[in-house]
Amino acid sequence: MDLSMAADNRSSSEKAVKESFMNGLQVFETLYRFPKPIIARINGPCLGGGVGLVFTTDIRIAYQDAYFALTEVKRGIIPAIISQYVVPELGPQKAREYMLTGRRANVREISNCLSYVANSIDELDDQVVSYANMLLESAPGAMTDIKRLISIIQSGGDTNSAIRIREVVQKSYLNMMQSEEAAYGIMAFVSKRPADWSSFVEENNKSKL
């Protein structure tokens, strides 16, 4: 999400916000549902939507100095779209911790969600090539079927459940993008200053008196 652009469009109509949601969702769904295997080469920080991009991939190879942070909460927004890819792998407790605090998690901390942690950039590149070569030895049709099978199993095989999750994600996104908190947090970002949430709550309460 381009927060600078979001600041210009914070008064957009619900239709425009829904279009924004669908455009964003399409990016992640295209990667997540892609029939061929995708390798993530992670050589630096993954923040917000960048974390979501990594979690749509099949094989993740990270440099040891890389880190991950779901910083949306600091700007009064939530990782709505990417939650459906991140939460199932992190688990509910870790997802709550990372999303509520926005703190950095190093590669060792989330190593269970990674395929390999490299100690140097050369090793990172070598491992990307190594995994690519392994995939070249795998039958393309079988790999497509494997990805589809795992996706079905993960969703419990229930199409209705997947639809309900998508509806909740969309509603959360719409509420977020039209909230006063998001407007305040995004403007603070554009102004290159930290959001003072105590002052925001105090002023908001005064306006309601």
N, C-alpha and C. Protein backbone atom coordinates (compact mmCIF):
# COMPACT_ATOMS: atom_id res chain seq x y z
N MET A 1 0.83 -1.20 0.00
CA MET A 1 0.00 0.00 0.00
C MET A 1 0.87 1.24 0.00
N ASP A 2 0.58 2.17 -0.91
CA ASP A 2 1.27 3.46 -0.96
C ASP A 2 0.54 4.40 -0.02
N LEU A 3 1.10 4.64 1.17
CA LEU A 3 0.40 5.45 2.16
C LEU A 3 0.28 6.90 1.72
N SER A 4 1.23 7.38 0.94
CA SER A 4 1.14 8.75 0.43
C SER A 4 -0.09 8.89 -0.47
N MET A 5 -0.32 7.89 -1.31
CA MET A 5 -1.50 7.90 -2.18
C MET A 5 -2.77 7.73 -1.36
N ALA A 6 -2.69 6.87 -0.33
CA ALA A 6 -3.86 6.64 0.53
C ALA A 6 -4.26 7.93 1.24
N ALA A 7 -3.28 8.76 1.58
CA ALA A 7 -3.58 10.03 2.24
C ALA A 7 -4.36 10.95 1.32
N ASP A 8 -4.05 10.93 0.03
CA ASP A 8 -4.76 11.76 -0.93
C ASP A 8 -6.18 11.26 -1.18
N ASN A 9 -6.39 9.95 -0.96
CA ASN A 9 -7.67 9.34 -1.31
C ASN A 9 -8.47 8.90 -0.08
N ARG A 10 -8.17 9.45 1.10
CA ARG A 10 -8.82 8.96 2.31
C ARG A 10 -10.31 9.28 2.36
N SER A 11 -10.76 10.22 1.53
CA SER A 11 -12.19 10.54 1.50
C SER A 11 -12.88 9.86 0.31
N SER A 12 -12.25 8.86 -0.26
CA SER A 12 -12.79 8.18 -1.43
C SER A 12 -14.11 7.51 -1.10
N SER A 13 -14.91 7.28 -2.12
CA SER A 13 -16.19 6.60 -1.96
C SER A 13 -15.97 5.14 -1.61
N GLU A 14 -17.01 4.49 -1.12
CA GLU A 14 -16.91 3.08 -0.77
C GLU A 14 -16.58 2.25 -2.01
N LYS A 15 -17.12 2.65 -3.15
CA LYS A 15 -16.85 1.93 -4.39
C LYS A 15 -15.36 1.99 -4.71
N ALA A 16 -14.75 3.17 -4.55
CA ALA A 16 -13.32 3.32 -4.84
C ALA A 16 -12.47 2.50 -3.88
N VAL A 17 -12.89 2.46 -2.60
CA VAL A 17 -12.15 1.69 -1.61
C VAL A 17 -12.25 0.19 -1.93
N LYS A 18 -13.44 -0.24 -2.36
CA LYS A 18 -13.61 -1.64 -2.74
C LYS A 18 -12.74 -2.00 -3.94
N GLU A 19 -12.64 -1.08 -4.90
CA GLU A 19 -11.77 -1.31 -6.05
C GLU A 19 -10.32 -1.42 -5.62
N SER A 20 -9.93 -0.57 -4.66
CA SER A 20 -8.58 -0.63 -4.12
C SER A 20 -8.32 -1.98 -3.46
N PHE A 21 -9.32 -2.45 -2.71
CA PHE A 21 -9.20 -3.76 -2.06
C PHE A 21 -9.02 -4.87 -3.09
N MET A 22 -9.85 -4.87 -4.12
CA MET A 22 -9.81 -5.93 -5.12
C MET A 22 -8.48 -5.90 -5.89
N ASN A 23 -7.98 -4.70 -6.17
CA ASN A 23 -6.68 -4.59 -6.86
C ASN A 23 -5.56 -5.16 -6.01
N GLY A 24 -5.58 -4.80 -4.71
CA GLY A 24 -4.56 -5.32 -3.81
C GLY A 24 -4.67 -6.82 -3.64
N LEU A 25 -5.90 -7.30 -3.48
CA LEU A 25 -6.12 -8.73 -3.32
C LEU A 25 -5.63 -9.51 -4.53
N GLN A 26 -5.84 -8.95 -5.71
CA GLN A 26 -5.45 -9.63 -6.94
C GLN A 26 -3.95 -9.89 -6.99
N VAL A 27 -3.17 -8.94 -6.49
CA VAL A 27 -1.71 -9.12 -6.48
C VAL A 27 -1.34 -10.35 -5.66
N PHE A 28 -1.86 -10.42 -4.43
CA PHE A 28 -1.49 -11.52 -3.54
C PHE A 28 -2.09 -12.85 -4.00
N GLU A 29 -3.34 -12.82 -4.47
CA GLU A 29 -3.98 -14.05 -4.92
C GLU A 29 -3.29 -14.61 -6.17
N THR A 30 -2.83 -13.72 -7.06
CA THR A 30 -2.13 -14.19 -8.26
C THR A 30 -0.88 -14.98 -7.87
N LEU A 31 -0.16 -14.46 -6.89
CA LEU A 31 1.04 -15.17 -6.44
C LEU A 31 0.68 -16.43 -5.67
N TYR A 32 -0.29 -16.33 -4.76
CA TYR A 32 -0.65 -17.45 -3.89
C TYR A 32 -1.23 -18.62 -4.70
N ARG A 33 -2.02 -18.30 -5.74
CA ARG A 33 -2.66 -19.34 -6.54
C ARG A 33 -1.86 -19.72 -7.79
N PHE A 34 -0.69 -19.12 -7.96
CA PHE A 34 0.09 -19.36 -9.16
C PHE A 34 0.41 -20.85 -9.29
N PRO A 35 0.18 -21.46 -10.45
CA PRO A 35 0.33 -22.92 -10.57
C PRO A 35 1.77 -23.41 -10.52
N LYS A 36 2.72 -22.54 -10.75
CA LYS A 36 4.13 -22.95 -10.71
C LYS A 36 4.75 -22.53 -9.38
N PRO A 37 5.81 -23.21 -8.94
CA PRO A 37 6.44 -22.85 -7.66
C PRO A 37 7.11 -21.48 -7.73
N ILE A 38 7.05 -20.76 -6.62
CA ILE A 38 7.64 -19.43 -6.52
C ILE A 38 8.65 -19.42 -5.39
N ILE A 39 9.84 -18.92 -5.68
CA ILE A 39 10.90 -18.79 -4.68
C ILE A 39 11.03 -17.32 -4.27
N ALA A 40 11.05 -17.08 -2.96
CA ALA A 40 11.32 -15.74 -2.44
C ALA A 40 12.79 -15.65 -2.04
N ARG A 41 13.50 -14.70 -2.63
CA ARG A 41 14.89 -14.42 -2.26
C ARG A 41 14.86 -13.17 -1.39
N ILE A 42 15.10 -13.32 -0.09
CA ILE A 42 14.89 -12.24 0.88
C ILE A 42 16.24 -11.72 1.34
N ASN A 43 16.62 -10.56 0.85
CA ASN A 43 17.95 -10.05 1.19
C ASN A 43 17.90 -8.77 2.02
N GLY A 44 16.73 -8.43 2.57
CA GLY A 44 16.62 -7.22 3.37
C GLY A 44 15.32 -7.20 4.15
N PRO A 45 14.92 -6.02 4.65
CA PRO A 45 13.71 -5.92 5.47
C PRO A 45 12.45 -6.24 4.68
N CYS A 46 11.52 -6.93 5.33
CA CYS A 46 10.17 -7.16 4.79
C CYS A 46 9.19 -6.47 5.73
N LEU A 47 8.52 -5.45 5.23
CA LEU A 47 7.62 -4.67 6.08
C LEU A 47 6.21 -4.69 5.51
N GLY A 48 5.21 -4.81 6.39
CA GLY A 48 3.82 -4.73 5.97
C GLY A 48 3.49 -5.69 4.85
N GLY A 49 3.06 -5.13 3.72
CA GLY A 49 2.69 -5.95 2.57
C GLY A 49 3.82 -6.80 2.05
N GLY A 50 5.06 -6.38 2.29
CA GLY A 50 6.20 -7.19 1.89
C GLY A 50 6.21 -8.54 2.60
N VAL A 51 5.76 -8.54 3.86
CA VAL A 51 5.64 -9.81 4.60
C VAL A 51 4.61 -10.69 3.90
N GLY A 52 3.49 -10.07 3.51
CA GLY A 52 2.45 -10.81 2.81
C GLY A 52 2.94 -11.43 1.52
N LEU A 53 3.75 -10.68 0.77
CA LEU A 53 4.29 -11.21 -0.48
C LEU A 53 5.12 -12.47 -0.23
N VAL A 54 5.97 -12.41 0.80
CA VAL A 54 6.80 -13.57 1.13
C VAL A 54 5.93 -14.78 1.48
N PHE A 55 4.85 -14.53 2.23
CA PHE A 55 4.02 -15.63 2.71
C PHE A 55 3.11 -16.20 1.63
N THR A 56 3.11 -15.63 0.44
CA THR A 56 2.38 -16.24 -0.68
C THR A 56 3.27 -17.21 -1.46
N THR A 57 4.56 -17.23 -1.15
CA THR A 57 5.50 -18.03 -1.93
C THR A 57 5.67 -19.42 -1.34
N ASP A 58 6.26 -20.30 -2.12
CA ASP A 58 6.40 -21.71 -1.74
C ASP A 58 7.72 -22.01 -1.04
N ILE A 59 8.78 -21.37 -1.50
CA ILE A 59 10.12 -21.58 -0.94
C ILE A 59 10.70 -20.22 -0.60
N ARG A 60 11.21 -20.08 0.63
CA ARG A 60 11.68 -18.77 1.11
C ARG A 60 13.10 -18.88 1.63
N ILE A 61 13.99 -18.19 0.97
CA ILE A 61 15.41 -18.23 1.32
C ILE A 61 15.81 -16.83 1.76
N ALA A 62 16.27 -16.70 3.00
CA ALA A 62 16.50 -15.38 3.57
C ALA A 62 17.96 -15.19 3.98
N TYR A 63 18.44 -13.98 3.81
CA TYR A 63 19.76 -13.58 4.31
C TYR A 63 19.64 -13.38 5.82
N GLN A 64 20.68 -13.69 6.56
CA GLN A 64 20.61 -13.69 8.02
C GLN A 64 20.28 -12.33 8.64
N ASP A 65 20.58 -11.24 7.92
CA ASP A 65 20.31 -9.90 8.47
C ASP A 65 18.92 -9.37 8.10
N ALA A 66 18.17 -10.15 7.35
CA ALA A 66 16.81 -9.71 7.00
C ALA A 66 15.93 -9.73 8.24
N TYR A 67 14.85 -8.97 8.21
CA TYR A 67 13.88 -9.02 9.31
C TYR A 67 12.50 -8.73 8.78
N PHE A 68 11.50 -9.04 9.60
CA PHE A 68 10.10 -8.90 9.22
C PHE A 68 9.38 -8.04 10.25
N ALA A 69 8.46 -7.20 9.79
CA ALA A 69 7.68 -6.38 10.72
C ALA A 69 6.33 -6.03 10.11
N LEU A 70 5.28 -6.27 10.87
CA LEU A 70 3.92 -5.91 10.45
C LEU A 70 3.59 -4.59 11.15
N THR A 71 3.99 -3.50 10.53
CA THR A 71 3.98 -2.18 11.17
C THR A 71 2.68 -1.40 10.95
N GLU A 72 1.69 -2.00 10.32
CA GLU A 72 0.47 -1.27 9.96
C GLU A 72 -0.18 -0.59 11.17
N VAL A 73 -0.19 -1.28 12.32
CA VAL A 73 -0.89 -0.76 13.50
C VAL A 73 -0.35 0.60 13.94
N LYS A 74 0.90 0.87 13.65
CA LYS A 74 1.50 2.16 14.01
C LYS A 74 0.88 3.31 13.24
N ARG A 75 0.21 3.00 12.13
CA ARG A 75 -0.41 4.02 11.28
C ARG A 75 -1.93 3.96 11.32
N GLY A 76 -2.45 3.23 12.30
CA GLY A 76 -3.90 3.17 12.44
C GLY A 76 -4.58 2.30 11.40
N ILE A 77 -3.82 1.42 10.77
CA ILE A 77 -4.39 0.51 9.79
C ILE A 77 -4.08 -0.92 10.20
N ILE A 78 -4.62 -1.88 9.48
CA ILE A 78 -4.43 -3.29 9.84
C ILE A 78 -3.97 -4.07 8.61
N PRO A 79 -3.25 -5.17 8.84
CA PRO A 79 -2.81 -6.00 7.70
C PRO A 79 -3.94 -6.89 7.22
N ALA A 80 -4.97 -6.26 6.68
CA ALA A 80 -6.22 -6.97 6.35
C ALA A 80 -6.02 -8.02 5.27
N ILE A 81 -5.59 -7.58 4.09
CA ILE A 81 -5.50 -8.51 2.96
C ILE A 81 -4.50 -9.63 3.23
N ILE A 82 -3.35 -9.29 3.78
CA ILE A 82 -2.31 -10.29 3.94
C ILE A 82 -2.56 -11.23 5.12
N SER A 83 -3.52 -10.89 5.99
CA SER A 83 -3.77 -11.71 7.18
C SER A 83 -4.10 -13.15 6.80
N GLN A 84 -4.82 -13.34 5.69
CA GLN A 84 -5.25 -14.69 5.32
C GLN A 84 -4.09 -15.57 4.85
N TYR A 85 -2.95 -14.97 4.55
CA TYR A 85 -1.77 -15.74 4.16
C TYR A 85 -0.80 -15.89 5.34
N VAL A 86 -0.76 -14.87 6.19
CA VAL A 86 0.22 -14.83 7.27
C VAL A 86 -0.25 -15.59 8.51
N VAL A 87 -1.49 -15.37 8.93
CA VAL A 87 -1.99 -15.94 10.19
C VAL A 87 -1.93 -17.47 10.22
N PRO A 88 -2.37 -18.18 9.16
CA PRO A 88 -2.32 -19.65 9.23
C PRO A 88 -0.92 -20.21 9.46
N GLU A 89 0.10 -19.52 8.99
CA GLU A 89 1.47 -20.03 9.14
C GLU A 89 2.10 -19.59 10.45
N LEU A 90 1.90 -18.35 10.84
CA LEU A 90 2.47 -17.87 12.10
C LEU A 90 1.77 -18.49 13.30
N GLY A 91 0.47 -18.75 13.15
CA GLY A 91 -0.34 -19.17 14.28
C GLY A 91 -0.97 -17.96 14.94
N PRO A 92 -2.09 -18.13 15.64
CA PRO A 92 -2.82 -16.98 16.18
C PRO A 92 -2.05 -16.17 17.21
N GLN A 93 -1.29 -16.83 18.09
CA GLN A 93 -0.60 -16.07 19.15
C GLN A 93 0.49 -15.18 18.58
N LYS A 94 1.35 -15.75 17.74
CA LYS A 94 2.43 -14.96 17.14
C LYS A 94 1.87 -13.88 16.22
N ALA A 95 0.81 -14.20 15.49
CA ALA A 95 0.19 -13.20 14.62
C ALA A 95 -0.31 -12.03 15.45
N ARG A 96 -0.95 -12.31 16.57
CA ARG A 96 -1.42 -11.22 17.44
C ARG A 96 -0.25 -10.39 17.94
N GLU A 97 0.79 -11.08 18.41
CA GLU A 97 1.96 -10.35 18.94
C GLU A 97 2.57 -9.42 17.90
N TYR A 98 2.87 -9.96 16.72
CA TYR A 98 3.53 -9.16 15.68
C TYR A 98 2.62 -8.05 15.16
N MET A 99 1.34 -8.36 14.98
CA MET A 99 0.42 -7.35 14.43
C MET A 99 0.07 -6.27 15.44
N LEU A 100 0.00 -6.62 16.72
CA LEU A 100 -0.36 -5.64 17.76
C LEU A 100 0.81 -4.73 18.11
N THR A 101 2.03 -5.25 18.06
CA THR A 101 3.19 -4.45 18.45
C THR A 101 3.92 -3.81 17.27
N GLY A 102 3.84 -4.45 16.10
CA GLY A 102 4.59 -3.95 14.95
C GLY A 102 6.09 -4.14 15.08
N ARG A 103 6.52 -4.95 16.04
CA ARG A 103 7.96 -5.09 16.29
C ARG A 103 8.64 -5.92 15.21
N ARG A 104 9.96 -5.78 15.17
CA ARG A 104 10.75 -6.54 14.21
C ARG A 104 10.96 -7.97 14.70
N ALA A 105 10.89 -8.91 13.76
CA ALA A 105 11.21 -10.30 14.05
C ALA A 105 12.33 -10.72 13.11
N ASN A 106 13.43 -11.21 13.67
CA ASN A 106 14.55 -11.60 12.81
C ASN A 106 14.29 -12.98 12.20
N VAL A 107 15.16 -13.36 11.28
CA VAL A 107 14.92 -14.60 10.53
C VAL A 107 15.00 -15.83 11.43
N ARG A 108 15.80 -15.76 12.49
CA ARG A 108 15.89 -16.90 13.39
C ARG A 108 14.56 -17.12 14.09
N GLU A 109 13.91 -16.02 14.41
CA GLU A 109 12.66 -16.11 15.17
C GLU A 109 11.54 -16.76 14.35
N ILE A 110 11.53 -16.53 13.05
CA ILE A 110 10.47 -17.10 12.23
C ILE A 110 11.04 -18.16 11.27
N SER A 111 12.11 -18.80 11.71
CA SER A 111 12.78 -19.77 10.83
C SER A 111 11.86 -20.92 10.42
N ASN A 112 10.84 -21.20 11.25
CA ASN A 112 9.92 -22.28 10.89
C ASN A 112 9.07 -21.95 9.68
N CYS A 113 9.03 -20.65 9.30
CA CYS A 113 8.29 -20.23 8.11
C CYS A 113 9.21 -20.03 6.91
N LEU A 114 10.49 -20.32 7.09
CA LEU A 114 11.47 -20.14 6.02
C LEU A 114 12.06 -21.48 5.60
N SER A 115 12.56 -21.52 4.38
CA SER A 115 13.18 -22.75 3.89
C SER A 115 14.66 -22.82 4.25
N TYR A 116 15.32 -21.65 4.26
CA TYR A 116 16.77 -21.64 4.49
C TYR A 116 17.18 -20.23 4.91
N VAL A 117 18.13 -20.17 5.85
CA VAL A 117 18.71 -18.89 6.27
C VAL A 117 20.18 -18.88 5.87
N ALA A 118 20.56 -17.95 5.01
CA ALA A 118 21.93 -17.89 4.49
C ALA A 118 22.78 -16.91 5.29
N ASN A 119 24.04 -17.25 5.46
CA ASN A 119 24.96 -16.41 6.24
C ASN A 119 25.64 -15.34 5.40
N SER A 120 25.50 -15.41 4.09
CA SER A 120 26.10 -14.41 3.20
C SER A 120 25.23 -14.28 1.96
N ILE A 121 25.43 -13.19 1.22
CA ILE A 121 24.66 -12.99 -0.01
C ILE A 121 25.03 -14.04 -1.05
N ASP A 122 26.30 -14.43 -1.07
CA ASP A 122 26.73 -15.48 -2.00
C ASP A 122 26.00 -16.79 -1.68
N GLU A 123 25.91 -17.10 -0.40
CA GLU A 123 25.21 -18.32 0.00
C GLU A 123 23.73 -18.21 -0.32
N LEU A 124 23.17 -17.01 -0.16
CA LEU A 124 21.76 -16.78 -0.51
C LEU A 124 21.53 -17.11 -1.98
N ASP A 125 22.38 -16.59 -2.84
CA ASP A 125 22.25 -16.83 -4.28
C ASP A 125 22.45 -18.30 -4.63
N ASP A 126 23.42 -18.93 -3.95
CA ASP A 126 23.69 -20.34 -4.20
C ASP A 126 22.48 -21.20 -3.85
N GLN A 127 21.83 -20.86 -2.76
CA GLN A 127 20.67 -21.65 -2.32
C GLN A 127 19.46 -21.43 -3.25
N VAL A 128 19.31 -20.22 -3.75
CA VAL A 128 18.24 -19.96 -4.73
C VAL A 128 18.43 -20.85 -5.95
N VAL A 129 19.68 -20.91 -6.45
CA VAL A 129 19.99 -21.75 -7.60
C VAL A 129 19.77 -23.23 -7.27
N SER A 130 20.18 -23.62 -6.07
CA SER A 130 20.04 -25.01 -5.65
C SER A 130 18.57 -25.44 -5.62
N TYR A 131 17.72 -24.60 -5.04
CA TYR A 131 16.29 -24.92 -4.99
C TYR A 131 15.68 -24.91 -6.39
N ALA A 132 16.10 -23.96 -7.21
CA ALA A 132 15.58 -23.90 -8.58
C ALA A 132 15.93 -25.19 -9.33
N ASN A 133 17.15 -25.68 -9.12
CA ASN A 133 17.56 -26.93 -9.78
C ASN A 133 16.75 -28.12 -9.28
N MET A 134 16.45 -28.13 -7.97
CA MET A 134 15.61 -29.20 -7.43
C MET A 134 14.23 -29.18 -8.07
N LEU A 135 13.68 -27.99 -8.26
CA LEU A 135 12.36 -27.85 -8.85
C LEU A 135 12.35 -28.29 -10.31
N LEU A 136 13.47 -28.08 -11.00
CA LEU A 136 13.57 -28.49 -12.40
C LEU A 136 13.51 -30.00 -12.55
N GLU A 137 13.80 -30.72 -11.47
CA GLU A 137 13.74 -32.17 -11.49
C GLU A 137 12.34 -32.69 -11.15
N SER A 138 11.42 -31.77 -10.80
CA SER A 138 10.06 -32.15 -10.43
C SER A 138 9.12 -31.97 -11.61
N ALA A 139 8.16 -32.87 -11.75
CA ALA A 139 7.21 -32.81 -12.86
C ALA A 139 6.30 -31.59 -12.71
N PRO A 140 6.16 -30.77 -13.75
CA PRO A 140 5.38 -29.53 -13.64
C PRO A 140 3.91 -29.75 -13.31
N GLY A 141 3.29 -30.77 -13.93
CA GLY A 141 1.89 -31.02 -13.64
C GLY A 141 1.68 -31.48 -12.21
N ALA A 142 2.59 -32.32 -11.72
CA ALA A 142 2.50 -32.82 -10.35
C ALA A 142 2.67 -31.66 -9.35
N MET A 143 3.58 -30.73 -9.65
CA MET A 143 3.78 -29.59 -8.75
C MET A 143 2.52 -28.73 -8.68
N THR A 144 1.87 -28.52 -9.83
CA THR A 144 0.63 -27.75 -9.85
C THR A 144 -0.44 -28.44 -9.00
N ASP A 145 -0.55 -29.75 -9.15
CA ASP A 145 -1.55 -30.51 -8.39
C ASP A 145 -1.24 -30.49 -6.89
N ILE A 146 0.04 -30.54 -6.55
CA ILE A 146 0.44 -30.50 -5.14
C ILE A 146 0.04 -29.17 -4.52
N LYS A 147 0.30 -28.07 -5.21
CA LYS A 147 -0.05 -26.75 -4.68
C LYS A 147 -1.57 -26.63 -4.50
N ARG A 148 -2.32 -27.12 -5.48
CA ARG A 148 -3.78 -27.07 -5.39
C ARG A 148 -4.28 -27.93 -4.23
N LEU A 149 -3.72 -29.13 -4.08
CA LEU A 149 -4.12 -30.05 -3.02
C LEU A 149 -3.87 -29.45 -1.64
N ILE A 150 -2.70 -28.87 -1.44
CA ILE A 150 -2.36 -28.27 -0.15
C ILE A 150 -3.29 -27.11 0.17
N SER A 151 -3.61 -26.30 -0.84
CA SER A 151 -4.52 -25.17 -0.64
C SER A 151 -5.90 -25.65 -0.20
N ILE A 152 -6.39 -26.73 -0.82
CA ILE A 152 -7.70 -27.26 -0.47
C ILE A 152 -7.70 -27.82 0.95
N ILE A 153 -6.65 -28.55 1.30
CA ILE A 153 -6.54 -29.13 2.64
C ILE A 153 -6.47 -28.03 3.69
N GLN A 154 -5.68 -26.99 3.40
CA GLN A 154 -5.51 -25.90 4.36
C GLN A 154 -6.84 -25.18 4.63
N SER A 155 -7.68 -25.07 3.62
CA SER A 155 -8.97 -24.40 3.79
C SER A 155 -10.03 -25.32 4.35
N GLY A 156 -9.66 -26.57 4.61
CA GLY A 156 -10.61 -27.53 5.12
C GLY A 156 -11.52 -28.08 4.05
N GLY A 157 -11.20 -27.75 2.80
CA GLY A 157 -12.02 -28.22 1.69
C GLY A 157 -13.38 -27.57 1.62
N ASP A 158 -13.56 -26.50 2.38
CA ASP A 158 -14.87 -25.85 2.48
C ASP A 158 -14.86 -24.53 1.72
N THR A 159 -15.49 -24.50 0.56
CA THR A 159 -15.55 -23.27 -0.24
C THR A 159 -16.29 -22.17 0.50
N ASN A 160 -17.35 -22.53 1.19
CA ASN A 160 -18.13 -21.53 1.93
C ASN A 160 -17.30 -20.86 3.01
N SER A 161 -16.43 -21.65 3.66
CA SER A 161 -15.55 -21.10 4.69
C SER A 161 -14.59 -20.09 4.09
N ALA A 162 -14.02 -20.42 2.94
CA ALA A 162 -13.11 -19.50 2.26
C ALA A 162 -13.81 -18.21 1.87
N ILE A 163 -15.05 -18.32 1.43
CA ILE A 163 -15.83 -17.13 1.05
C ILE A 163 -16.10 -16.26 2.27
N ARG A 164 -16.44 -16.89 3.39
CA ARG A 164 -16.72 -16.13 4.61
C ARG A 164 -15.47 -15.38 5.08
N ILE A 165 -14.33 -16.06 5.01
CA ILE A 165 -13.08 -15.40 5.41
C ILE A 165 -12.81 -14.19 4.52
N ARG A 166 -13.02 -14.36 3.22
CA ARG A 166 -12.80 -13.26 2.29
C ARG A 166 -13.73 -12.09 2.58
N GLU A 167 -14.97 -12.37 2.95
CA GLU A 167 -15.93 -11.32 3.27
C GLU A 167 -15.50 -10.55 4.52
N VAL A 168 -15.01 -11.27 5.52
CA VAL A 168 -14.54 -10.61 6.75
C VAL A 168 -13.33 -9.74 6.45
N VAL A 169 -12.40 -10.27 5.64
CA VAL A 169 -11.19 -9.51 5.27
C VAL A 169 -11.58 -8.23 4.53
N GLN A 170 -12.53 -8.34 3.60
CA GLN A 170 -12.94 -7.16 2.84
C GLN A 170 -13.61 -6.14 3.74
N LYS A 171 -14.48 -6.58 4.62
CA LYS A 171 -15.16 -5.64 5.53
C LYS A 171 -14.16 -4.94 6.43
N SER A 172 -13.18 -5.69 6.92
CA SER A 172 -12.13 -5.10 7.77
C SER A 172 -11.35 -4.04 7.02
N TYR A 173 -11.04 -4.33 5.76
CA TYR A 173 -10.29 -3.39 4.92
C TYR A 173 -11.10 -2.11 4.70
N LEU A 174 -12.39 -2.26 4.38
CA LEU A 174 -13.25 -1.09 4.12
C LEU A 174 -13.37 -0.24 5.37
N ASN A 175 -13.61 -0.87 6.51
CA ASN A 175 -13.73 -0.12 7.77
C ASN A 175 -12.44 0.61 8.09
N MET A 176 -11.32 -0.05 7.86
CA MET A 176 -10.02 0.55 8.13
C MET A 176 -9.78 1.79 7.29
N MET A 177 -9.98 1.68 5.99
CA MET A 177 -9.64 2.76 5.08
C MET A 177 -10.56 3.97 5.23
N GLN A 178 -11.71 3.79 5.88
CA GLN A 178 -12.63 4.91 6.08
C GLN A 178 -12.65 5.38 7.53
N SER A 179 -11.68 4.92 8.33
CA SER A 179 -11.67 5.27 9.75
C SER A 179 -10.87 6.54 10.01
N GLU A 180 -11.21 7.20 11.10
CA GLU A 180 -10.47 8.40 11.52
C GLU A 180 -9.05 8.04 11.94
N GLU A 181 -8.90 6.88 12.55
CA GLU A 181 -7.56 6.44 12.96
C GLU A 181 -6.63 6.30 11.77
N ALA A 182 -7.14 5.67 10.70
CA ALA A 182 -6.31 5.49 9.51
C ALA A 182 -5.92 6.84 8.91
N ALA A 183 -6.89 7.77 8.86
CA ALA A 183 -6.61 9.10 8.31
C ALA A 183 -5.52 9.78 9.12
N TYR A 184 -5.62 9.70 10.44
CA TYR A 184 -4.63 10.34 11.31
C TYR A 184 -3.27 9.67 11.18
N GLY A 185 -3.25 8.33 11.22
CA GLY A 185 -1.99 7.61 11.15
C GLY A 185 -1.28 7.79 9.83
N ILE A 186 -2.03 7.80 8.75
CA ILE A 186 -1.44 7.97 7.42
C ILE A 186 -0.90 9.38 7.26
N MET A 187 -1.63 10.38 7.76
CA MET A 187 -1.14 11.77 7.67
C MET A 187 0.14 11.94 8.49
N ALA A 188 0.21 11.25 9.62
CA ALA A 188 1.44 11.31 10.43
C ALA A 188 2.60 10.71 9.64
N PHE A 189 2.34 9.63 8.93
CA PHE A 189 3.37 9.00 8.10
C PHE A 189 3.83 9.95 7.01
N VAL A 190 2.86 10.58 6.32
CA VAL A 190 3.19 11.50 5.23
C VAL A 190 4.00 12.68 5.77
N SER A 191 3.67 13.09 6.99
CA SER A 191 4.37 14.23 7.62
C SER A 191 5.69 13.81 8.26
N LYS A 192 6.01 12.52 8.17
CA LYS A 192 7.26 11.97 8.70
C LYS A 192 7.40 12.20 10.20
N ARG A 193 6.33 11.91 10.91
CA ARG A 193 6.34 12.02 12.37
C ARG A 193 5.61 10.81 12.95
N PRO A 194 5.98 10.42 14.17
CA PRO A 194 5.26 9.30 14.81
C PRO A 194 3.85 9.72 15.18
N ALA A 195 2.95 8.80 15.10
CA ALA A 195 1.56 9.09 15.49
C ALA A 195 1.46 9.13 17.01
N ASP A 196 0.86 10.20 17.55
CA ASP A 196 0.64 10.34 18.99
C ASP A 196 -0.78 9.86 19.29
N TRP A 197 -0.91 8.57 19.58
CA TRP A 197 -2.24 8.00 19.73
C TRP A 197 -2.94 8.45 21.00
N SER A 198 -2.19 8.79 22.04
CA SER A 198 -2.82 9.31 23.26
C SER A 198 -3.51 10.64 22.98
N SER A 199 -2.83 11.51 22.24
CA SER A 199 -3.42 12.80 21.88
C SER A 199 -4.61 12.61 20.95
N PHE A 200 -4.48 11.67 20.04
CA PHE A 200 -5.59 11.40 19.10
C PHE A 200 -6.84 10.99 19.86
N VAL A 201 -6.70 10.06 20.81
CA VAL A 201 -7.85 9.58 21.58
C VAL A 201 -8.44 10.71 22.41
N GLU A 202 -7.57 11.52 23.02
CA GLU A 202 -8.05 12.64 23.85
C GLU A 202 -8.85 13.64 23.02
N GLU A 203 -8.32 14.01 21.85
CA GLU A 203 -9.02 14.96 20.99
C GLU A 203 -10.33 14.37 20.45
N ASN A 204 -10.28 13.08 20.13
CA ASN A 204 -11.46 12.42 19.60
C ASN A 204 -12.57 12.36 20.65
N ASN A 205 -12.19 12.14 21.90
CA ASN A 205 -13.18 12.09 22.98
C ASN A 205 -13.78 13.48 23.24
N LYS A 206 -12.96 14.53 23.11
CA LYS A 206 -13.45 15.89 23.31
C LYS A 206 -14.50 16.25 22.25
N SER A 207 -14.25 15.81 21.04
CA SER A 207 -15.16 16.14 19.94
C SER A 207 -16.52 15.47 20.08
N LYS A 208 -16.56 14.40 20.91
CA LYS A 208 -17.81 13.67 21.09
C LYS A 208 -18.64 14.21 22.26
N LEU A 209 -18.04 15.12 23.04
CA LEU A 209 -18.75 15.69 24.21
C LEU A 209 -19.80 16.71 23.75
